[in-house]
Amino acid sequence: MPCSPPSERDPLEELELDSERVFDGALLEVRRDRVRLPDGAESLREYVRHPGAVVVLAVLPDGRLLFERQYRYPLRRAFLELPAGKIDAGEDLLGCARRELREETGYEADEWQYLGVMHPCIGYSDERIEIFLARGLTHVGNALDDGEFLEVLTLSVEEALEAAQDGRLTDGKSIVALFRGFRALGLAVGPAGGS
């Protein structure tokens, strides 16, 4: 009698039984799913569907990093963050990164390196943020979208790390991009977390 292949199913997986759209907005969709839990019981899961985004760790010729200050309405304040933006339907990831860097900072880059992905809100959203490193920057002029307002500034790597440590930089995607860029920037993190 032939042996069955071992099951590849994760023992923690929750199986979707049915799904309902609760809200469908211009950017986000909210869903409510009924799921079967690993122990066989049923439960509800509410979550946000997001199209995904990119974040760019852009390095100027002098080694400084491009940052921006942008007002974020949900928290009613301006935040320090790296250039980033939503992936448009059908848009190539690198194309999105190029577009966002150009629109938000006025820079284009000759060298691009993919650094990986992060998932910022795993408890309530399927959002993913693709991380890119950009070098060989040339300023070609600003091209902000209508209704978009931000300030572009530069920080040394040390200033950016200090801002993350002292709480001036709290944006998760920017902190993760800095961390993921350590090797590409020629940095090492010691056991105590210092550089």
N, C-alpha and C. Protein backbone atom coordinates (compact mmCIF):
# COMPACT_ATOMS: atom_id res chain seq x y z
N MET A 1 0.86 -1.17 0.00
CA MET A 1 0.00 0.00 0.00
C MET A 1 0.91 1.23 0.00
N PRO A 2 0.70 2.21 -0.94
CA PRO A 2 1.56 3.39 -1.01
C PRO A 2 1.36 4.31 0.20
N CYS A 3 2.44 4.92 0.60
CA CYS A 3 2.39 5.86 1.72
C CYS A 3 1.92 7.21 1.22
N SER A 4 1.13 7.88 2.02
CA SER A 4 0.70 9.24 1.69
C SER A 4 1.81 10.21 2.03
N PRO A 5 1.99 11.27 1.21
CA PRO A 5 3.01 12.26 1.57
C PRO A 5 2.64 12.96 2.87
N PRO A 6 3.63 13.36 3.63
CA PRO A 6 3.32 14.06 4.89
C PRO A 6 2.56 15.35 4.60
N SER A 7 1.69 15.68 5.50
CA SER A 7 0.88 16.89 5.34
C SER A 7 1.78 18.13 5.49
N GLU A 8 1.60 19.09 4.60
CA GLU A 8 2.36 20.34 4.66
C GLU A 8 1.58 21.41 5.42
N ARG A 9 0.41 21.08 5.90
CA ARG A 9 -0.45 22.06 6.57
C ARG A 9 0.15 22.44 7.92
N ASP A 10 0.21 23.74 8.18
CA ASP A 10 0.69 24.25 9.46
C ASP A 10 -0.33 23.91 10.54
N PRO A 11 0.08 23.29 11.65
CA PRO A 11 -0.87 22.92 12.69
C PRO A 11 -1.54 24.12 13.36
N LEU A 12 -1.03 25.32 13.13
CA LEU A 12 -1.65 26.53 13.69
C LEU A 12 -2.59 27.22 12.71
N GLU A 13 -2.68 26.70 11.49
CA GLU A 13 -3.49 27.35 10.45
C GLU A 13 -4.95 27.44 10.84
N GLU A 14 -5.55 28.59 10.52
CA GLU A 14 -6.98 28.79 10.67
C GLU A 14 -7.60 28.77 9.28
N LEU A 15 -8.61 27.94 9.09
CA LEU A 15 -9.21 27.75 7.77
C LEU A 15 -10.43 28.65 7.59
N GLU A 16 -10.43 29.39 6.47
CA GLU A 16 -11.56 30.27 6.15
C GLU A 16 -12.78 29.42 5.80
N LEU A 17 -13.90 29.71 6.49
CA LEU A 17 -15.16 29.03 6.19
C LEU A 17 -16.05 29.90 5.32
N ASP A 18 -16.08 31.19 5.62
CA ASP A 18 -16.75 32.15 4.74
C ASP A 18 -16.19 33.53 5.02
N SER A 19 -16.43 34.46 4.08
CA SER A 19 -15.83 35.79 4.16
C SER A 19 -16.86 36.83 3.72
N GLU A 20 -16.86 37.95 4.43
CA GLU A 20 -17.81 39.02 4.14
C GLU A 20 -17.07 40.35 4.06
N ARG A 21 -17.37 41.15 3.04
CA ARG A 21 -16.82 42.50 2.94
C ARG A 21 -17.66 43.42 3.83
N VAL A 22 -16.99 44.07 4.79
CA VAL A 22 -17.66 44.98 5.71
C VAL A 22 -17.59 46.41 5.20
N PHE A 23 -16.47 46.77 4.58
CA PHE A 23 -16.26 48.14 4.08
C PHE A 23 -15.31 48.07 2.90
N ASP A 24 -15.59 48.88 1.87
CA ASP A 24 -14.71 48.94 0.70
C ASP A 24 -14.48 50.40 0.37
N GLY A 25 -13.28 50.90 0.74
CA GLY A 25 -12.94 52.30 0.54
C GLY A 25 -11.99 52.50 -0.62
N ALA A 26 -11.52 53.74 -0.76
CA ALA A 26 -10.60 54.08 -1.83
C ALA A 26 -9.25 53.39 -1.66
N LEU A 27 -8.80 53.20 -0.42
CA LEU A 27 -7.51 52.58 -0.15
C LEU A 27 -7.64 51.21 0.50
N LEU A 28 -8.56 51.07 1.43
CA LEU A 28 -8.63 49.88 2.27
C LEU A 28 -9.96 49.15 2.11
N GLU A 29 -9.92 47.86 2.36
CA GLU A 29 -11.12 47.03 2.42
C GLU A 29 -11.09 46.33 3.77
N VAL A 30 -12.23 46.29 4.45
CA VAL A 30 -12.33 45.59 5.73
C VAL A 30 -13.16 44.34 5.52
N ARG A 31 -12.64 43.22 6.01
CA ARG A 31 -13.32 41.93 5.86
C ARG A 31 -13.59 41.30 7.22
N ARG A 32 -14.62 40.49 7.28
CA ARG A 32 -14.94 39.68 8.47
C ARG A 32 -15.08 38.24 7.99
N ASP A 33 -14.20 37.38 8.48
CA ASP A 33 -14.21 35.97 8.07
C ASP A 33 -14.59 35.09 9.25
N ARG A 34 -15.33 34.04 8.94
CA ARG A 34 -15.59 32.98 9.92
C ARG A 34 -14.54 31.90 9.63
N VAL A 35 -13.82 31.48 10.68
CA VAL A 35 -12.72 30.53 10.50
C VAL A 35 -12.87 29.33 11.43
N ARG A 36 -12.24 28.23 11.01
CA ARG A 36 -12.13 27.06 11.88
C ARG A 36 -10.75 27.10 12.50
N LEU A 37 -10.70 27.05 13.83
CA LEU A 37 -9.45 27.10 14.59
C LEU A 37 -8.78 25.73 14.60
N PRO A 38 -7.52 25.66 14.98
CA PRO A 38 -6.81 24.38 15.00
C PRO A 38 -7.49 23.30 15.86
N ASP A 39 -8.23 23.72 16.89
CA ASP A 39 -8.91 22.73 17.75
C ASP A 39 -10.29 22.36 17.25
N GLY A 40 -10.70 22.89 16.07
CA GLY A 40 -11.99 22.57 15.49
C GLY A 40 -13.09 23.58 15.80
N ALA A 41 -12.88 24.45 16.78
CA ALA A 41 -13.87 25.47 17.11
C ALA A 41 -13.91 26.52 16.00
N GLU A 42 -14.95 27.35 16.02
CA GLU A 42 -15.08 28.43 15.05
C GLU A 42 -14.90 29.77 15.74
N SER A 43 -14.44 30.76 14.96
CA SER A 43 -14.26 32.11 15.48
C SER A 43 -14.38 33.10 14.33
N LEU A 44 -14.42 34.39 14.67
CA LEU A 44 -14.46 35.45 13.66
C LEU A 44 -13.13 36.17 13.62
N ARG A 45 -12.73 36.59 12.44
CA ARG A 45 -11.52 37.38 12.23
C ARG A 45 -11.88 38.60 11.39
N GLU A 46 -11.62 39.78 11.91
CA GLU A 46 -11.80 41.02 11.17
C GLU A 46 -10.42 41.55 10.81
N TYR A 47 -10.26 42.00 9.56
CA TYR A 47 -8.94 42.46 9.12
C TYR A 47 -9.07 43.42 7.95
N VAL A 48 -7.99 44.15 7.74
CA VAL A 48 -7.92 45.14 6.68
C VAL A 48 -7.13 44.56 5.52
N ARG A 49 -7.68 44.65 4.31
CA ARG A 49 -6.95 44.29 3.10
C ARG A 49 -6.28 45.56 2.59
N HIS A 50 -4.99 45.48 2.26
CA HIS A 50 -4.21 46.64 1.83
C HIS A 50 -3.46 46.25 0.56
N PRO A 51 -3.30 47.16 -0.40
CA PRO A 51 -2.64 46.81 -1.66
C PRO A 51 -1.13 46.62 -1.55
N GLY A 52 -0.54 46.96 -0.41
CA GLY A 52 0.91 46.86 -0.25
C GLY A 52 1.59 48.18 -0.53
N ALA A 53 2.84 48.29 -0.12
CA ALA A 53 3.58 49.54 -0.26
C ALA A 53 5.07 49.25 -0.40
N VAL A 54 5.82 50.30 -0.67
CA VAL A 54 7.28 50.23 -0.72
C VAL A 54 7.82 51.29 0.23
N VAL A 55 9.06 51.08 0.70
CA VAL A 55 9.79 52.08 1.46
C VAL A 55 11.21 52.09 0.88
N VAL A 56 11.79 53.30 0.78
CA VAL A 56 13.09 53.45 0.14
C VAL A 56 14.10 54.04 1.10
N LEU A 57 15.18 53.31 1.32
CA LEU A 57 16.33 53.79 2.07
C LEU A 57 17.27 54.40 1.03
N ALA A 58 17.18 55.72 0.86
CA ALA A 58 17.90 56.43 -0.21
C ALA A 58 19.15 57.09 0.37
N VAL A 59 20.31 56.73 -0.20
CA VAL A 59 21.60 57.18 0.30
C VAL A 59 22.19 58.21 -0.66
N LEU A 60 22.41 59.42 -0.15
CA LEU A 60 23.03 60.48 -0.95
C LEU A 60 24.52 60.19 -1.14
N PRO A 61 25.17 60.83 -2.13
CA PRO A 61 26.60 60.59 -2.35
C PRO A 61 27.47 60.81 -1.11
N ASP A 62 27.05 61.72 -0.21
CA ASP A 62 27.85 61.97 1.00
C ASP A 62 27.52 60.99 2.14
N GLY A 63 26.66 60.00 1.88
CA GLY A 63 26.31 59.00 2.88
C GLY A 63 25.10 59.34 3.72
N ARG A 64 24.58 60.58 3.60
CA ARG A 64 23.38 60.94 4.35
C ARG A 64 22.16 60.25 3.74
N LEU A 65 21.14 60.08 4.56
CA LEU A 65 19.91 59.41 4.13
C LEU A 65 18.79 60.43 3.93
N LEU A 66 17.96 60.19 2.91
CA LEU A 66 16.80 61.06 2.68
C LEU A 66 15.65 60.64 3.59
N PHE A 67 15.12 61.60 4.31
CA PHE A 67 13.94 61.40 5.14
C PHE A 67 12.91 62.46 4.76
N GLU A 68 11.73 62.31 5.30
CA GLU A 68 10.69 63.32 5.11
C GLU A 68 9.87 63.44 6.38
N ARG A 69 9.26 64.60 6.53
CA ARG A 69 8.27 64.83 7.58
C ARG A 69 6.94 64.95 6.88
N GLN A 70 5.98 64.13 7.31
CA GLN A 70 4.67 64.14 6.67
C GLN A 70 3.60 64.03 7.76
N TYR A 71 2.53 64.79 7.59
CA TYR A 71 1.41 64.75 8.54
C TYR A 71 0.62 63.48 8.28
N ARG A 72 0.38 62.73 9.34
CA ARG A 72 -0.39 61.49 9.25
C ARG A 72 -1.68 61.67 10.04
N TYR A 73 -2.76 61.80 9.31
CA TYR A 73 -4.04 62.17 9.91
C TYR A 73 -4.53 61.22 11.02
N PRO A 74 -4.42 59.89 10.88
CA PRO A 74 -4.95 59.03 11.95
C PRO A 74 -4.37 59.35 13.33
N LEU A 75 -3.11 59.78 13.39
CA LEU A 75 -2.49 60.11 14.67
C LEU A 75 -2.38 61.60 14.91
N ARG A 76 -2.89 62.40 13.96
CA ARG A 76 -3.00 63.86 14.09
C ARG A 76 -1.67 64.54 14.38
N ARG A 77 -0.60 64.11 13.66
CA ARG A 77 0.70 64.75 13.84
C ARG A 77 1.61 64.41 12.67
N ALA A 78 2.68 65.18 12.54
CA ALA A 78 3.69 64.91 11.52
C ALA A 78 4.68 63.87 12.03
N PHE A 79 5.14 63.01 11.14
CA PHE A 79 6.08 61.95 11.48
C PHE A 79 7.33 62.05 10.62
N LEU A 80 8.44 61.67 11.19
CA LEU A 80 9.69 61.50 10.48
C LEU A 80 9.66 60.09 9.87
N GLU A 81 9.91 59.99 8.56
CA GLU A 81 9.87 58.68 7.92
C GLU A 81 10.69 58.69 6.64
N LEU A 82 10.99 57.50 6.15
CA LEU A 82 11.65 57.35 4.86
C LEU A 82 10.62 57.49 3.74
N PRO A 83 11.05 57.84 2.54
CA PRO A 83 10.11 57.91 1.41
C PRO A 83 9.42 56.56 1.21
N ALA A 84 8.12 56.62 0.99
CA ALA A 84 7.34 55.38 0.87
C ALA A 84 6.03 55.67 0.17
N GLY A 85 5.36 54.63 -0.26
CA GLY A 85 4.05 54.82 -0.85
C GLY A 85 3.40 53.52 -1.28
N LYS A 86 2.13 53.62 -1.60
CA LYS A 86 1.28 52.49 -1.97
C LYS A 86 1.62 51.98 -3.36
N ILE A 87 1.56 50.67 -3.51
CA ILE A 87 1.73 50.02 -4.80
C ILE A 87 0.41 50.12 -5.56
N ASP A 88 0.46 50.69 -6.75
CA ASP A 88 -0.75 50.78 -7.58
C ASP A 88 -1.05 49.41 -8.19
N ALA A 89 -2.32 49.18 -8.52
CA ALA A 89 -2.74 47.90 -9.10
C ALA A 89 -1.90 47.59 -10.34
N GLY A 90 -1.29 46.40 -10.35
CA GLY A 90 -0.50 45.95 -11.49
C GLY A 90 0.89 46.56 -11.59
N GLU A 91 1.25 47.40 -10.62
CA GLU A 91 2.54 48.09 -10.69
C GLU A 91 3.68 47.18 -10.24
N ASP A 92 4.78 47.24 -10.96
CA ASP A 92 6.01 46.54 -10.62
C ASP A 92 6.58 47.15 -9.34
N LEU A 93 7.13 46.30 -8.45
CA LEU A 93 7.63 46.79 -7.16
C LEU A 93 8.74 47.83 -7.32
N LEU A 94 9.73 47.53 -8.16
CA LEU A 94 10.81 48.48 -8.37
C LEU A 94 10.29 49.75 -9.03
N GLY A 95 9.36 49.62 -9.95
CA GLY A 95 8.76 50.80 -10.58
C GLY A 95 8.06 51.68 -9.55
N CYS A 96 7.40 51.06 -8.60
CA CYS A 96 6.74 51.81 -7.53
C CYS A 96 7.78 52.53 -6.68
N ALA A 97 8.86 51.84 -6.32
CA ALA A 97 9.91 52.45 -5.51
C ALA A 97 10.52 53.65 -6.24
N ARG A 98 10.80 53.50 -7.53
CA ARG A 98 11.34 54.61 -8.34
C ARG A 98 10.37 55.80 -8.36
N ARG A 99 9.10 55.48 -8.58
CA ARG A 99 8.07 56.52 -8.66
C ARG A 99 7.95 57.27 -7.33
N GLU A 100 7.88 56.54 -6.24
CA GLU A 100 7.71 57.19 -4.94
C GLU A 100 8.92 58.05 -4.57
N LEU A 101 10.13 57.57 -4.83
CA LEU A 101 11.32 58.36 -4.53
C LEU A 101 11.30 59.66 -5.34
N ARG A 102 10.97 59.56 -6.61
CA ARG A 102 10.92 60.74 -7.49
C ARG A 102 9.83 61.71 -7.05
N GLU A 103 8.62 61.20 -6.82
CA GLU A 103 7.49 62.07 -6.45
C GLU A 103 7.72 62.77 -5.12
N GLU A 104 8.19 62.03 -4.13
CA GLU A 104 8.25 62.58 -2.78
C GLU A 104 9.51 63.38 -2.49
N THR A 105 10.61 63.06 -3.14
CA THR A 105 11.87 63.75 -2.80
C THR A 105 12.48 64.51 -3.97
N GLY A 106 12.06 64.21 -5.20
CA GLY A 106 12.65 64.84 -6.37
C GLY A 106 13.94 64.19 -6.80
N TYR A 107 14.27 63.01 -6.26
CA TYR A 107 15.51 62.31 -6.61
C TYR A 107 15.22 61.07 -7.45
N GLU A 108 16.18 60.76 -8.31
CA GLU A 108 16.22 59.49 -9.03
C GLU A 108 17.51 58.79 -8.63
N ALA A 109 17.52 57.46 -8.75
CA ALA A 109 18.69 56.67 -8.34
C ALA A 109 19.16 55.79 -9.48
N ASP A 110 20.49 55.63 -9.57
CA ASP A 110 21.10 54.76 -10.57
C ASP A 110 21.18 53.31 -10.10
N GLU A 111 21.31 53.11 -8.79
CA GLU A 111 21.51 51.76 -8.24
C GLU A 111 20.37 51.42 -7.28
N TRP A 112 19.80 50.25 -7.48
CA TRP A 112 18.71 49.78 -6.62
C TRP A 112 19.03 48.39 -6.10
N GLN A 113 18.70 48.18 -4.83
CA GLN A 113 18.90 46.86 -4.22
C GLN A 113 17.65 46.53 -3.40
N TYR A 114 17.11 45.33 -3.62
CA TYR A 114 15.96 44.87 -2.85
C TYR A 114 16.46 44.34 -1.51
N LEU A 115 15.87 44.82 -0.40
CA LEU A 115 16.31 44.41 0.94
C LEU A 115 15.35 43.45 1.64
N GLY A 116 14.16 43.24 1.08
CA GLY A 116 13.23 42.31 1.71
C GLY A 116 11.87 42.93 1.93
N VAL A 117 11.09 42.26 2.76
CA VAL A 117 9.71 42.66 3.02
C VAL A 117 9.48 42.72 4.52
N MET A 118 8.54 43.56 4.92
CA MET A 118 8.09 43.59 6.31
C MET A 118 6.56 43.58 6.32
N HIS A 119 6.00 43.11 7.41
CA HIS A 119 4.54 43.07 7.59
C HIS A 119 4.23 43.89 8.84
N PRO A 120 3.77 45.14 8.68
CA PRO A 120 3.66 46.06 9.82
C PRO A 120 2.52 45.81 10.78
N CYS A 121 1.45 45.16 10.35
CA CYS A 121 0.26 45.07 11.20
C CYS A 121 -0.33 43.67 11.16
N ILE A 122 0.44 42.65 11.51
CA ILE A 122 0.04 41.27 11.29
C ILE A 122 -1.22 40.83 12.05
N GLY A 123 -1.59 41.56 13.07
CA GLY A 123 -2.78 41.18 13.84
C GLY A 123 -4.08 41.63 13.22
N TYR A 124 -4.04 42.61 12.29
CA TYR A 124 -5.30 43.10 11.73
C TYR A 124 -5.21 43.56 10.28
N SER A 125 -4.12 43.26 9.58
CA SER A 125 -4.01 43.68 8.19
C SER A 125 -3.10 42.73 7.42
N ASP A 126 -3.36 42.61 6.11
CA ASP A 126 -2.49 41.81 5.24
C ASP A 126 -1.44 42.68 4.55
N GLU A 127 -1.26 43.93 5.00
CA GLU A 127 -0.31 44.84 4.38
C GLU A 127 1.11 44.28 4.41
N ARG A 128 1.81 44.48 3.30
CA ARG A 128 3.22 44.15 3.22
C ARG A 128 3.93 45.39 2.69
N ILE A 129 5.15 45.61 3.15
CA ILE A 129 5.94 46.75 2.67
C ILE A 129 7.27 46.21 2.16
N GLU A 130 7.52 46.44 0.88
CA GLU A 130 8.73 45.98 0.21
C GLU A 130 9.82 47.04 0.41
N ILE A 131 11.02 46.62 0.81
CA ILE A 131 12.08 47.54 1.20
C ILE A 131 13.17 47.58 0.13
N PHE A 132 13.53 48.80 -0.28
CA PHE A 132 14.57 49.01 -1.29
C PHE A 132 15.63 49.96 -0.79
N LEU A 133 16.87 49.73 -1.23
CA LEU A 133 17.99 50.63 -1.01
C LEU A 133 18.27 51.31 -2.35
N ALA A 134 18.43 52.63 -2.34
CA ALA A 134 18.70 53.39 -3.56
C ALA A 134 19.98 54.18 -3.38
N ARG A 135 20.87 54.09 -4.38
CA ARG A 135 22.13 54.85 -4.37
C ARG A 135 22.33 55.50 -5.73
N GLY A 136 23.37 56.33 -5.82
CA GLY A 136 23.63 57.05 -7.06
C GLY A 136 22.52 58.06 -7.33
N LEU A 137 22.18 58.84 -6.30
CA LEU A 137 21.05 59.76 -6.39
C LEU A 137 21.40 61.04 -7.16
N THR A 138 20.42 61.49 -7.94
CA THR A 138 20.51 62.76 -8.65
C THR A 138 19.21 63.51 -8.43
N HIS A 139 19.29 64.79 -8.04
CA HIS A 139 18.08 65.57 -7.85
C HIS A 139 17.59 66.07 -9.20
N VAL A 140 16.33 65.74 -9.52
CA VAL A 140 15.76 66.11 -10.82
C VAL A 140 14.55 67.02 -10.68
N GLY A 141 14.14 67.33 -9.47
CA GLY A 141 13.00 68.24 -9.24
C GLY A 141 11.83 67.54 -8.60
N ASN A 142 11.10 68.27 -7.80
CA ASN A 142 9.97 67.72 -7.05
C ASN A 142 8.78 67.47 -7.95
N ALA A 143 7.99 66.47 -7.58
CA ALA A 143 6.80 66.11 -8.36
C ALA A 143 5.73 65.54 -7.43
N LEU A 144 5.42 66.24 -6.34
CA LEU A 144 4.44 65.75 -5.37
C LEU A 144 3.07 65.58 -6.01
N ASP A 145 2.34 64.56 -5.55
CA ASP A 145 0.96 64.38 -5.98
C ASP A 145 0.12 65.54 -5.47
N ASP A 146 -1.00 65.81 -6.16
CA ASP A 146 -1.95 66.81 -5.66
C ASP A 146 -2.41 66.41 -4.27
N GLY A 147 -2.45 67.38 -3.36
CA GLY A 147 -2.91 67.12 -2.00
C GLY A 147 -1.87 66.47 -1.11
N GLU A 148 -0.64 66.33 -1.59
CA GLU A 148 0.43 65.74 -0.78
C GLU A 148 1.38 66.85 -0.35
N PHE A 149 1.64 66.91 0.95
CA PHE A 149 2.51 67.94 1.51
C PHE A 149 3.52 67.27 2.42
N LEU A 150 4.79 67.56 2.21
CA LEU A 150 5.82 67.00 3.08
C LEU A 150 7.07 67.84 2.99
N GLU A 151 7.94 67.66 3.97
CA GLU A 151 9.25 68.31 4.01
C GLU A 151 10.30 67.24 3.82
N VAL A 152 11.27 67.47 2.93
CA VAL A 152 12.37 66.54 2.72
C VAL A 152 13.56 67.02 3.55
N LEU A 153 14.22 66.10 4.25
CA LEU A 153 15.40 66.43 5.03
C LEU A 153 16.38 65.28 4.95
N THR A 154 17.60 65.52 5.39
CA THR A 154 18.61 64.46 5.39
C THR A 154 19.13 64.24 6.80
N LEU A 155 19.48 63.00 7.08
CA LEU A 155 20.08 62.62 8.35
C LEU A 155 21.26 61.70 8.05
N SER A 156 22.31 61.83 8.83
CA SER A 156 23.38 60.83 8.74
C SER A 156 22.82 59.52 9.28
N VAL A 157 23.48 58.42 9.00
CA VAL A 157 23.05 57.14 9.53
C VAL A 157 23.03 57.19 11.06
N GLU A 158 24.06 57.80 11.65
CA GLU A 158 24.12 57.91 13.10
C GLU A 158 22.96 58.73 13.65
N GLU A 159 22.62 59.84 12.98
CA GLU A 159 21.48 60.67 13.42
C GLU A 159 20.17 59.89 13.30
N ALA A 160 20.02 59.10 12.24
CA ALA A 160 18.81 58.31 12.07
C ALA A 160 18.68 57.26 13.16
N LEU A 161 19.78 56.59 13.48
CA LEU A 161 19.75 55.59 14.54
C LEU A 161 19.46 56.24 15.89
N GLU A 162 20.03 57.40 16.13
CA GLU A 162 19.77 58.13 17.38
C GLU A 162 18.29 58.53 17.46
N ALA A 163 17.73 58.97 16.33
CA ALA A 163 16.30 59.34 16.30
C ALA A 163 15.42 58.14 16.61
N ALA A 164 15.81 56.96 16.13
CA ALA A 164 15.04 55.74 16.43
C ALA A 164 15.17 55.38 17.91
N GLN A 165 16.34 55.61 18.49
CA GLN A 165 16.56 55.30 19.90
C GLN A 165 15.85 56.27 20.83
N ASP A 166 15.83 57.56 20.49
CA ASP A 166 15.26 58.54 21.41
C ASP A 166 13.78 58.84 21.17
N GLY A 167 13.17 58.19 20.18
CA GLY A 167 11.73 58.34 19.98
C GLY A 167 11.31 59.39 18.98
N ARG A 168 12.23 60.08 18.35
CA ARG A 168 11.84 61.02 17.29
C ARG A 168 11.41 60.28 16.03
N LEU A 169 11.96 59.09 15.82
CA LEU A 169 11.60 58.23 14.69
C LEU A 169 10.87 57.03 15.25
N THR A 170 9.55 57.00 15.07
CA THR A 170 8.75 55.89 15.59
C THR A 170 8.06 55.11 14.48
N ASP A 171 8.21 55.53 13.24
CA ASP A 171 7.58 54.87 12.11
C ASP A 171 8.21 53.50 11.88
N GLY A 172 7.41 52.46 12.00
CA GLY A 172 7.91 51.09 11.93
C GLY A 172 8.61 50.74 10.63
N LYS A 173 8.04 51.14 9.50
CA LYS A 173 8.65 50.77 8.22
C LYS A 173 10.03 51.40 8.06
N SER A 174 10.20 52.62 8.58
CA SER A 174 11.49 53.30 8.48
C SER A 174 12.53 52.65 9.38
N ILE A 175 12.12 52.27 10.58
CA ILE A 175 13.04 51.61 11.51
C ILE A 175 13.47 50.25 10.95
N VAL A 176 12.52 49.49 10.41
CA VAL A 176 12.86 48.19 9.84
C VAL A 176 13.77 48.37 8.63
N ALA A 177 13.49 49.36 7.78
CA ALA A 177 14.34 49.59 6.60
C ALA A 177 15.77 49.94 7.02
N LEU A 178 15.92 50.75 8.06
CA LEU A 178 17.26 51.04 8.57
C LEU A 178 17.95 49.76 9.02
N PHE A 179 17.25 48.96 9.78
CA PHE A 179 17.80 47.70 10.28
C PHE A 179 18.19 46.78 9.12
N ARG A 180 17.29 46.64 8.13
CA ARG A 180 17.55 45.75 7.00
C ARG A 180 18.69 46.29 6.13
N GLY A 181 18.94 47.60 6.18
CA GLY A 181 19.99 48.19 5.37
C GLY A 181 21.36 48.21 6.02
N PHE A 182 21.48 47.75 7.27
CA PHE A 182 22.76 47.82 7.98
C PHE A 182 23.92 47.24 7.17
N ARG A 183 23.77 46.02 6.68
CA ARG A 183 24.88 45.38 5.95
C ARG A 183 25.19 46.14 4.67
N ALA A 184 24.15 46.54 3.94
CA ALA A 184 24.35 47.26 2.68
C ALA A 184 25.03 48.61 2.92
N LEU A 185 24.80 49.20 4.10
CA LEU A 185 25.42 50.47 4.45
C LEU A 185 26.79 50.27 5.10
N GLY A 186 27.21 49.02 5.24
CA GLY A 186 28.52 48.73 5.83
C GLY A 186 28.53 48.84 7.34
N LEU A 187 27.37 48.66 7.98
CA LEU A 187 27.27 48.75 9.44
C LEU A 187 27.12 47.36 10.04
N ALA A 188 27.50 47.25 11.29
CA ALA A 188 27.30 46.01 12.04
C ALA A 188 26.66 46.38 13.36
N VAL A 189 25.80 45.51 13.83
CA VAL A 189 25.17 45.72 15.12
C VAL A 189 25.76 44.73 16.10
N GLY A 190 26.25 45.26 17.21
CA GLY A 190 26.85 44.40 18.24
C GLY A 190 25.78 43.75 19.08
N PRO A 191 26.18 42.87 20.03
CA PRO A 191 25.24 42.15 20.86
C PRO A 191 24.38 43.06 21.72
N ALA A 192 24.87 44.25 22.08
CA ALA A 192 24.07 45.14 22.92
C ALA A 192 23.19 46.04 22.08
N GLY A 193 23.21 45.91 20.74
CA GLY A 193 22.34 46.70 19.87
C GLY A 193 23.00 47.96 19.39
N GLY A 194 24.22 48.25 19.77
CA GLY A 194 24.91 49.45 19.30
C GLY A 194 25.60 49.19 18.00
N SER A 195 25.98 50.27 17.33
CA SER A 195 26.68 50.09 16.05
C SER A 195 28.16 50.23 16.24
